[in-house]
Amino acid sequence: MLKHNSYFDGNVQSVGFERNGFKATVGVIAPGEYHFNTGAAERMTVTSGQLRAKVAGGDWVTYPAGTYFEVAANSGFDV
């Protein structure tokens, strides 16, 4: 089953699914500044373009396509 989410007046959208106990989400982020909170630990993989992000307690880092960053459970990040 697919689940569509829309955030920040439609500027951030995602499609998520769960299968065999594993969850995955694919998202698209329009240019802008956004803050996300996390309940579970997450790995964010940049598949196209680049993303500038600041993980809680860290500095701003630019992640090009093919790279990733990890976010701890019960924390957050800015993009």
PDB file of N, CA and C in Angstrom:
ATOM      1  N   MET A   1       0.836  -1.170   0.000  1.00  0.00           N
ATOM      2  CA  MET A   1       0.000   0.000   0.000  1.00  0.00           C
ATOM      3  C   MET A   1       0.884   1.236   0.000  1.00  0.00           C
ATOM      4  N   LEU A   2       0.521   2.212  -0.809  1.00  0.00           N
ATOM      5  CA  LEU A   2       1.254   3.469  -0.900  1.00  0.00           C
ATOM      6  C   LEU A   2       0.570   4.536  -0.053  1.00  0.00           C
ATOM      7  N   LYS A   3       1.386   5.419   0.509  1.00  0.00           N
ATOM      8  CA  LYS A   3       0.846   6.520   1.303  1.00  0.00           C
ATOM      9  C   LYS A   3       1.481   7.818   0.821  1.00  0.00           C
ATOM     10  N   HIS A   4       0.652   8.764   0.409  1.00  0.00           N
ATOM     11  CA  HIS A   4       1.126  10.058  -0.073  1.00  0.00           C
ATOM     12  C   HIS A   4       1.011  11.076   1.054  1.00  0.00           C
ATOM     13  N   ASN A   5       2.075  11.868   1.240  1.00  0.00           N
ATOM     14  CA  ASN A   5       2.067  12.955   2.224  1.00  0.00           C
ATOM     15  C   ASN A   5       2.473  14.245   1.547  1.00  0.00           C
ATOM     16  N   SER A   6       1.884  15.326   1.991  1.00  0.00           N
ATOM     17  CA  SER A   6       2.210  16.650   1.478  1.00  0.00           C
ATOM     18  C   SER A   6       2.450  17.570   2.674  1.00  0.00           C
ATOM     19  N   TYR A   7       3.554  18.318   2.623  1.00  0.00           N
ATOM     20  CA  TYR A   7       3.931  19.201   3.721  1.00  0.00           C
ATOM     21  C   TYR A   7       4.256  20.585   3.172  1.00  0.00           C
ATOM     22  N   PHE A   8       4.244  21.569   4.069  1.00  0.00           N
ATOM     23  CA  PHE A   8       4.670  22.924   3.728  1.00  0.00           C
ATOM     24  C   PHE A   8       3.964  23.442   2.472  1.00  0.00           C
ATOM     25  N   ASP A   9       2.637  23.423   2.518  1.00  0.00           N
ATOM     26  CA  ASP A   9       1.805  23.921   1.415  1.00  0.00           C
ATOM     27  C   ASP A   9       2.125  23.244   0.085  1.00  0.00           C
ATOM     28  N   GLY A  10       2.464  21.964   0.128  1.00  0.00           N
ATOM     29  CA  GLY A  10       2.731  21.198  -1.083  1.00  0.00           C
ATOM     30  C   GLY A  10       4.147  21.299  -1.597  1.00  0.00           C
ATOM     31  N   ASN A  11       5.007  22.050  -0.916  1.00  0.00           N
ATOM     32  CA  ASN A  11       6.388  22.206  -1.377  1.00  0.00           C
ATOM     33  C   ASN A  11       7.259  20.992  -1.091  1.00  0.00           C
ATOM     34  N   VAL A  12       6.815  20.136  -0.203  1.00  0.00           N
ATOM     35  CA  VAL A  12       7.509  18.884   0.104  1.00  0.00           C
ATOM     36  C   VAL A  12       6.468  17.773   0.012  1.00  0.00           C
ATOM     37  N   GLN A  13       6.749  16.768  -0.821  1.00  0.00           N
ATOM     38  CA  GLN A  13       5.809  15.662  -0.979  1.00  0.00           C
ATOM     39  C   GLN A  13       6.561  14.345  -0.937  1.00  0.00           C
ATOM     40  N   SER A  14       5.871  13.328  -0.437  1.00  0.00           N
ATOM     41  CA  SER A  14       6.508  12.021  -0.353  1.00  0.00           C
ATOM     42  C   SER A  14       5.499  10.916  -0.623  1.00  0.00           C
ATOM     43  N   VAL A  15       6.028   9.806  -1.088  1.00  0.00           N
ATOM     44  CA  VAL A  15       5.246   8.584  -1.248  1.00  0.00           C
ATOM     45  C   VAL A  15       5.988   7.518  -0.456  1.00  0.00           C
ATOM     46  N   GLY A  16       5.294   6.912   0.489  1.00  0.00           N
ATOM     47  CA  GLY A  16       5.907   5.899   1.334  1.00  0.00           C
ATOM     48  C   GLY A  16       5.213   4.564   1.164  1.00  0.00           C
ATOM     49  N   PHE A  17       5.931   3.515   1.506  1.00  0.00           N
ATOM     50  CA  PHE A  17       5.336   2.187   1.484  1.00  0.00           C
ATOM     51  C   PHE A  17       6.024   1.308   2.521  1.00  0.00           C
ATOM     52  N   GLU A  18       5.335   0.244   2.905  1.00  0.00           N
ATOM     53  CA  GLU A  18       5.884  -0.721   3.846  1.00  0.00           C
ATOM     54  C   GLU A  18       5.648  -2.115   3.287  1.00  0.00           C
ATOM     55  N   ARG A  19       6.685  -2.942   3.372  1.00  0.00           N
ATOM     56  CA  ARG A  19       6.570  -4.316   2.884  1.00  0.00           C
ATOM     57  C   ARG A  19       7.485  -5.194   3.713  1.00  0.00           C
ATOM     58  N   ASN A  20       6.960  -6.294   4.162  1.00  0.00           N
ATOM     59  CA  ASN A  20       7.720  -7.253   4.965  1.00  0.00           C
ATOM     60  C   ASN A  20       8.398  -6.596   6.167  1.00  0.00           C
ATOM     61  N   GLY A  21       7.716  -5.607   6.755  1.00  0.00           N
ATOM     62  CA  GLY A  21       8.243  -4.947   7.934  1.00  0.00           C
ATOM     63  C   GLY A  21       9.256  -3.844   7.672  1.00  0.00           C
ATOM     64  N   PHE A  22       9.573  -3.580   6.410  1.00  0.00           N
ATOM     65  CA  PHE A  22      10.519  -2.525   6.053  1.00  0.00           C
ATOM     66  C   PHE A  22       9.767  -1.340   5.469  1.00  0.00           C
ATOM     67  N   LYS A  23      10.180  -0.135   5.877  1.00  0.00           N
ATOM     68  CA  LYS A  23       9.554   1.087   5.384  1.00  0.00           C
ATOM     69  C   LYS A  23      10.525   1.841   4.493  1.00  0.00           C
ATOM     70  N   ALA A  24       9.974   2.472   3.462  1.00  0.00           N
ATOM     71  CA  ALA A  24      10.777   3.322   2.586  1.00  0.00           C
ATOM     72  C   ALA A  24       9.909   4.484   2.122  1.00  0.00           C
ATOM     73  N   THR A  25      10.548   5.607   1.866  1.00  0.00           N
ATOM     74  CA  THR A  25       9.853   6.802   1.395  1.00  0.00           C
ATOM     75  C   THR A  25      10.700   7.465   0.319  1.00  0.00           C
ATOM     76  N   VAL A  26      10.029   7.961  -0.704  1.00  0.00           N
ATOM     77  CA  VAL A  26      10.672   8.760  -1.737  1.00  0.00           C
ATOM     78  C   VAL A  26      10.044  10.141  -1.672  1.00  0.00           C
ATOM     79  N   GLY A  27      10.876  11.169  -1.609  1.00  0.00           N
ATOM     80  CA  GLY A  27      10.333  12.514  -1.473  1.00  0.00           C
ATOM     81  C   GLY A  27      10.925  13.487  -2.465  1.00  0.00           C
ATOM     82  N   VAL A  28      10.197  14.578  -2.665  1.00  0.00           N
ATOM     83  CA  VAL A  28      10.638  15.676  -3.514  1.00  0.00           C
ATOM     84  C   VAL A  28      10.502  16.960  -2.701  1.00  0.00           C
ATOM     85  N   ILE A  29      11.558  17.780  -2.719  1.00  0.00           N
ATOM     86  CA  ILE A  29      11.573  19.011  -1.947  1.00  0.00           C
ATOM     87  C   ILE A  29      11.802  20.185  -2.897  1.00  0.00           C
ATOM     88  N   ALA A  30      10.851  21.118  -2.931  1.00  0.00           N
ATOM     89  CA  ALA A  30      11.017  22.336  -3.722  1.00  0.00           C
ATOM     90  C   ALA A  30      12.010  23.245  -3.000  1.00  0.00           C
ATOM     91  N   PRO A  31      12.683  24.128  -3.735  1.00  0.00           N
ATOM     92  CA  PRO A  31      13.613  25.048  -3.074  1.00  0.00           C
ATOM     93  C   PRO A  31      12.914  25.804  -1.941  1.00  0.00           C
ATOM     94  N   GLY A  32      13.608  25.937  -0.832  1.00  0.00           N
ATOM     95  CA  GLY A  32      13.069  26.622   0.334  1.00  0.00           C
ATOM     96  C   GLY A  32      13.757  26.130   1.581  1.00  0.00           C
ATOM     97  N   GLU A  33      13.321  26.619   2.740  1.00  0.00           N
ATOM     98  CA  GLU A  33      13.881  26.195   4.012  1.00  0.00           C
ATOM     99  C   GLU A  33      12.800  25.496   4.816  1.00  0.00           C
ATOM    100  N   TYR A  34      13.123  24.291   5.314  1.00  0.00           N
ATOM    101  CA  TYR A  34      12.145  23.471   6.019  1.00  0.00           C
ATOM    102  C   TYR A  34      12.814  22.771   7.196  1.00  0.00           C
ATOM    103  N   HIS A  35      12.023  22.518   8.245  1.00  0.00           N
ATOM    104  CA  HIS A  35      12.509  21.753   9.392  1.00  0.00           C
ATOM    105  C   HIS A  35      11.658  20.499   9.523  1.00  0.00           C
ATOM    106  N   PHE A  36      12.312  19.360   9.744  1.00  0.00           N
ATOM    107  CA  PHE A  36      11.640  18.080   9.915  1.00  0.00           C
ATOM    108  C   PHE A  36      12.020  17.481  11.256  1.00  0.00           C
ATOM    109  N   ASN A  37      11.046  16.929  11.958  1.00  0.00           N
ATOM    110  CA  ASN A  37      11.290  16.172  13.175  1.00  0.00           C
ATOM    111  C   ASN A  37      11.246  14.694  12.838  1.00  0.00           C
ATOM    112  N   THR A  38      12.005  13.889  13.563  1.00  0.00           N
ATOM    113  CA  THR A  38      12.007  12.447  13.322  1.00  0.00           C
ATOM    114  C   THR A  38      11.618  11.705  14.591  1.00  0.00           C
ATOM    115  N   GLY A  39      10.808  10.671  14.430  1.00  0.00           N
ATOM    116  CA  GLY A  39      10.479   9.787  15.538  1.00  0.00           C
ATOM    117  C   GLY A  39      11.448   8.619  15.557  1.00  0.00           C
ATOM    118  N   ALA A  40      11.665   8.039  14.391  1.00  0.00           N
ATOM    119  CA  ALA A  40      12.587   6.911  14.228  1.00  0.00           C
ATOM    120  C   ALA A  40      13.860   7.407  13.546  1.00  0.00           C
ATOM    121  N   ALA A  41      14.947   6.680  13.722  1.00  0.00           N
ATOM    122  CA  ALA A  41      16.185   7.006  13.013  1.00  0.00           C
ATOM    123  C   ALA A  41      15.926   6.871  11.519  1.00  0.00           C
ATOM    124  N   GLU A  42      16.540   7.756  10.739  1.00  0.00           N
ATOM    125  CA  GLU A  42      16.325   7.750   9.294  1.00  0.00           C
ATOM    126  C   GLU A  42      17.631   7.974   8.552  1.00  0.00           C
ATOM    127  N   ARG A  43      17.717   7.396   7.354  1.00  0.00           N
ATOM    128  CA  ARG A  43      18.825   7.667   6.437  1.00  0.00           C
ATOM    129  C   ARG A  43      18.225   8.401   5.244  1.00  0.00           C
ATOM    130  N   MET A  44      18.771   9.571   4.951  1.00  0.00           N
ATOM    131  CA  MET A  44      18.313  10.382   3.827  1.00  0.00           C
ATOM    132  C   MET A  44      19.330  10.257   2.704  1.00  0.00           C
ATOM    133  N   THR A  45      18.900   9.714   1.584  1.00  0.00           N
ATOM    134  CA  THR A  45      19.772   9.541   0.424  1.00  0.00           C
ATOM    135  C   THR A  45      19.348  10.523  -0.657  1.00  0.00           C
ATOM    136  N   VAL A  46      20.295  11.288  -1.157  1.00  0.00           N
ATOM    137  CA  VAL A  46      20.016  12.254  -2.224  1.00  0.00           C
ATOM    138  C   VAL A  46      20.172  11.521  -3.552  1.00  0.00           C
ATOM    139  N   THR A  47      19.098  11.456  -4.321  1.00  0.00           N
ATOM    140  CA  THR A  47      19.143  10.704  -5.578  1.00  0.00           C
ATOM    141  C   THR A  47      19.302  11.589  -6.807  1.00  0.00           C
ATOM    142  N   SER A  48      19.019  12.878  -6.671  1.00  0.00           N
ATOM    143  CA  SER A  48      19.135  13.785  -7.806  1.00  0.00           C
ATOM    144  C   SER A  48      19.429  15.185  -7.284  1.00  0.00           C
ATOM    145  N   GLY A  49      20.240  15.927  -8.007  1.00  0.00           N
ATOM    146  CA  GLY A  49      20.564  17.289  -7.599  1.00  0.00           C
ATOM    147  C   GLY A  49      21.452  17.308  -6.377  1.00  0.00           C
ATOM    148  N   GLN A  50      21.175  18.254  -5.487  1.00  0.00           N
ATOM    149  CA  GLN A  50      21.914  18.332  -4.240  1.00  0.00           C
ATOM    150  C   GLN A  50      21.000  18.894  -3.165  1.00  0.00           C
ATOM    151  N   LEU A  51      21.347  18.623  -1.928  1.00  0.00           N
ATOM    152  CA  LEU A  51      20.537  19.052  -0.802  1.00  0.00           C
ATOM    153  C   LEU A  51      21.455  19.622   0.265  1.00  0.00           C
ATOM    154  N   ARG A  52      21.134  20.801   0.739  1.00  0.00           N
ATOM    155  CA  ARG A  52      21.883  21.405   1.838  1.00  0.00           C
ATOM    156  C   ARG A  52      21.102  21.130   3.107  1.00  0.00           C
ATOM    157  N   ALA A  53      21.728  20.482   4.077  1.00  0.00           N
ATOM    158  CA  ALA A  53      21.021  20.070   5.285  1.00  0.00           C
ATOM    159  C   ALA A  53      21.860  20.320   6.529  1.00  0.00           C
ATOM    160  N   LYS A  54      21.153  20.489   7.636  1.00  0.00           N
ATOM    161  CA  LYS A  54      21.781  20.660   8.942  1.00  0.00           C
ATOM    162  C   LYS A  54      21.100  19.698   9.902  1.00  0.00           C
ATOM    163  N   VAL A  55      21.818  18.656  10.287  1.00  0.00           N
ATOM    164  CA  VAL A  55      21.298  17.673  11.227  1.00  0.00           C
ATOM    165  C   VAL A  55      21.446  18.257  12.630  1.00  0.00           C
ATOM    166  N   ALA A  56      20.492  17.983  13.513  1.00  0.00           N
ATOM    167  CA  ALA A  56      20.506  18.522  14.873  1.00  0.00           C
ATOM    168  C   ALA A  56      21.901  18.422  15.485  1.00  0.00           C
ATOM    169  N   GLY A  57      22.400  19.558  15.970  1.00  0.00           N
ATOM    170  CA  GLY A  57      23.714  19.583  16.606  1.00  0.00           C
ATOM    171  C   GLY A  57      24.875  19.691  15.641  1.00  0.00           C
ATOM    172  N   GLY A  58      24.604  19.762  14.338  1.00  0.00           N
ATOM    173  CA  GLY A  58      25.681  19.810  13.350  1.00  0.00           C
ATOM    174  C   GLY A  58      25.722  21.117  12.592  1.00  0.00           C
ATOM    175  N   ASP A  59      26.551  21.141  11.574  1.00  0.00           N
ATOM    176  CA  ASP A  59      26.700  22.300  10.706  1.00  0.00           C
ATOM    177  C   ASP A  59      25.971  22.055   9.389  1.00  0.00           C
ATOM    178  N   TRP A  60      25.796  23.104   8.620  1.00  0.00           N
ATOM    179  CA  TRP A  60      25.221  22.972   7.289  1.00  0.00           C
ATOM    180  C   TRP A  60      26.211  22.231   6.384  1.00  0.00           C
ATOM    181  N   VAL A  61      25.704  21.234   5.663  1.00  0.00           N
ATOM    182  CA  VAL A  61      26.522  20.439   4.749  1.00  0.00           C
ATOM    183  C   VAL A  61      25.735  20.290   3.454  1.00  0.00           C
ATOM    184  N   THR A  62      26.420  20.374   2.310  1.00  0.00           N
ATOM    185  CA  THR A  62      25.780  20.149   1.019  1.00  0.00           C
ATOM    186  C   THR A  62      26.024  18.707   0.604  1.00  0.00           C
ATOM    187  N   TYR A  63      24.939  17.988   0.325  1.00  0.00           N
ATOM    188  CA  TYR A  63      25.003  16.576  -0.066  1.00  0.00           C
ATOM    189  C   TYR A  63      24.640  16.458  -1.542  1.00  0.00           C
ATOM    190  N   PRO A  64      25.589  16.074  -2.394  1.00  0.00           N
ATOM    191  CA  PRO A  64      25.280  15.872  -3.810  1.00  0.00           C
ATOM    192  C   PRO A  64      24.590  14.522  -4.030  1.00  0.00           C
ATOM    193  N   ALA A  65      24.044  14.345  -5.217  1.00  0.00           N
ATOM    194  CA  ALA A  65      23.396  13.081  -5.576  1.00  0.00           C
ATOM    195  C   ALA A  65      24.344  11.922  -5.325  1.00  0.00           C
ATOM    196  N   GLY A  66      23.800  10.849  -4.760  1.00  0.00           N
ATOM    197  CA  GLY A  66      24.596   9.659  -4.478  1.00  0.00           C
ATOM    198  C   GLY A  66      25.141   9.614  -3.061  1.00  0.00           C
ATOM    199  N   THR A  67      24.930  10.673  -2.288  1.00  0.00           N
ATOM    200  CA  THR A  67      25.399  10.689  -0.902  1.00  0.00           C
ATOM    201  C   THR A  67      24.200  10.616   0.042  1.00  0.00           C
ATOM    202  N   TYR A  68      24.488  10.460   1.320  1.00  0.00           N
ATOM    203  CA  TYR A  68      23.404  10.372   2.300  1.00  0.00           C
ATOM    204  C   TYR A  68      23.860  10.941   3.635  1.00  0.00           C
ATOM    205  N   PHE A  69      22.877  11.184   4.492  1.00  0.00           N
ATOM    206  CA  PHE A  69      23.155  11.543   5.876  1.00  0.00           C
ATOM    207  C   PHE A  69      22.150  10.807   6.755  1.00  0.00           C
ATOM    208  N   GLU A  70      22.508  10.647   8.019  1.00  0.00           N
ATOM    209  CA  GLU A  70      21.645   9.923   8.940  1.00  0.00           C
ATOM    210  C   GLU A  70      21.163  10.846  10.047  1.00  0.00           C
ATOM    211  N   VAL A  71      19.918  10.631  10.441  1.00  0.00           N
ATOM    212  CA  VAL A  71      19.286  11.434  11.475  1.00  0.00           C
ATOM    213  C   VAL A  71      18.889  10.502  12.617  1.00  0.00           C
ATOM    214  N   ALA A  72      19.267  10.863  13.822  1.00  0.00           N
ATOM    215  CA  ALA A  72      18.954  10.043  14.995  1.00  0.00           C
ATOM    216  C   ALA A  72      17.459  10.069  15.300  1.00  0.00           C
ATOM    217  N   ALA A  73      16.987   9.054  15.985  1.00  0.00           N
ATOM    218  CA  ALA A  73      15.595   8.998  16.422  1.00  0.00           C
ATOM    219  C   ALA A  73      15.314  10.173  17.364  1.00  0.00           C
ATOM    220  N   ASN A  74      14.082  10.648  17.311  1.00  0.00           N
ATOM    221  CA  ASN A  74      13.613  11.709  18.200  1.00  0.00           C
ATOM    222  C   ASN A  74      14.478  12.961  18.125  1.00  0.00           C
ATOM    223  N   SER A  75      14.873  13.333  16.914  1.00  0.00           N
ATOM    224  CA  SER A  75      15.631  14.560  16.716  1.00  0.00           C
ATOM    225  C   SER A  75      15.039  15.279  15.502  1.00  0.00           C
ATOM    226  N   GLY A  76      15.871  15.927  14.724  1.00  0.00           N
ATOM    227  CA  GLY A  76      15.359  16.621  13.557  1.00  0.00           C
ATOM    228  C   GLY A  76      16.483  17.111  12.669  1.00  0.00           C
ATOM    229  N   PHE A  77      16.084  17.734  11.582  1.00  0.00           N
ATOM    230  CA  PHE A  77      17.056  18.310  10.652  1.00  0.00           C
ATOM    231  C   PHE A  77      16.393  19.422   9.853  1.00  0.00           C
ATOM    232  N   ASP A  78      17.227  20.323   9.336  1.00  0.00           N
ATOM    233  CA  ASP A  78      16.778  21.425   8.496  1.00  0.00           C
ATOM    234  C   ASP A  78      17.318  21.232   7.096  1.00  0.00           C
ATOM    235  N   VAL A  79      16.541  21.655   6.114  1.00  0.00           N
ATOM    236  CA  VAL A  79      17.004  21.653   4.718  1.00  0.00           C
ATOM    237  C   VAL A  79      16.672  22.986   4.098  1.00  0.00           C
TER     238      VAL A  79
END
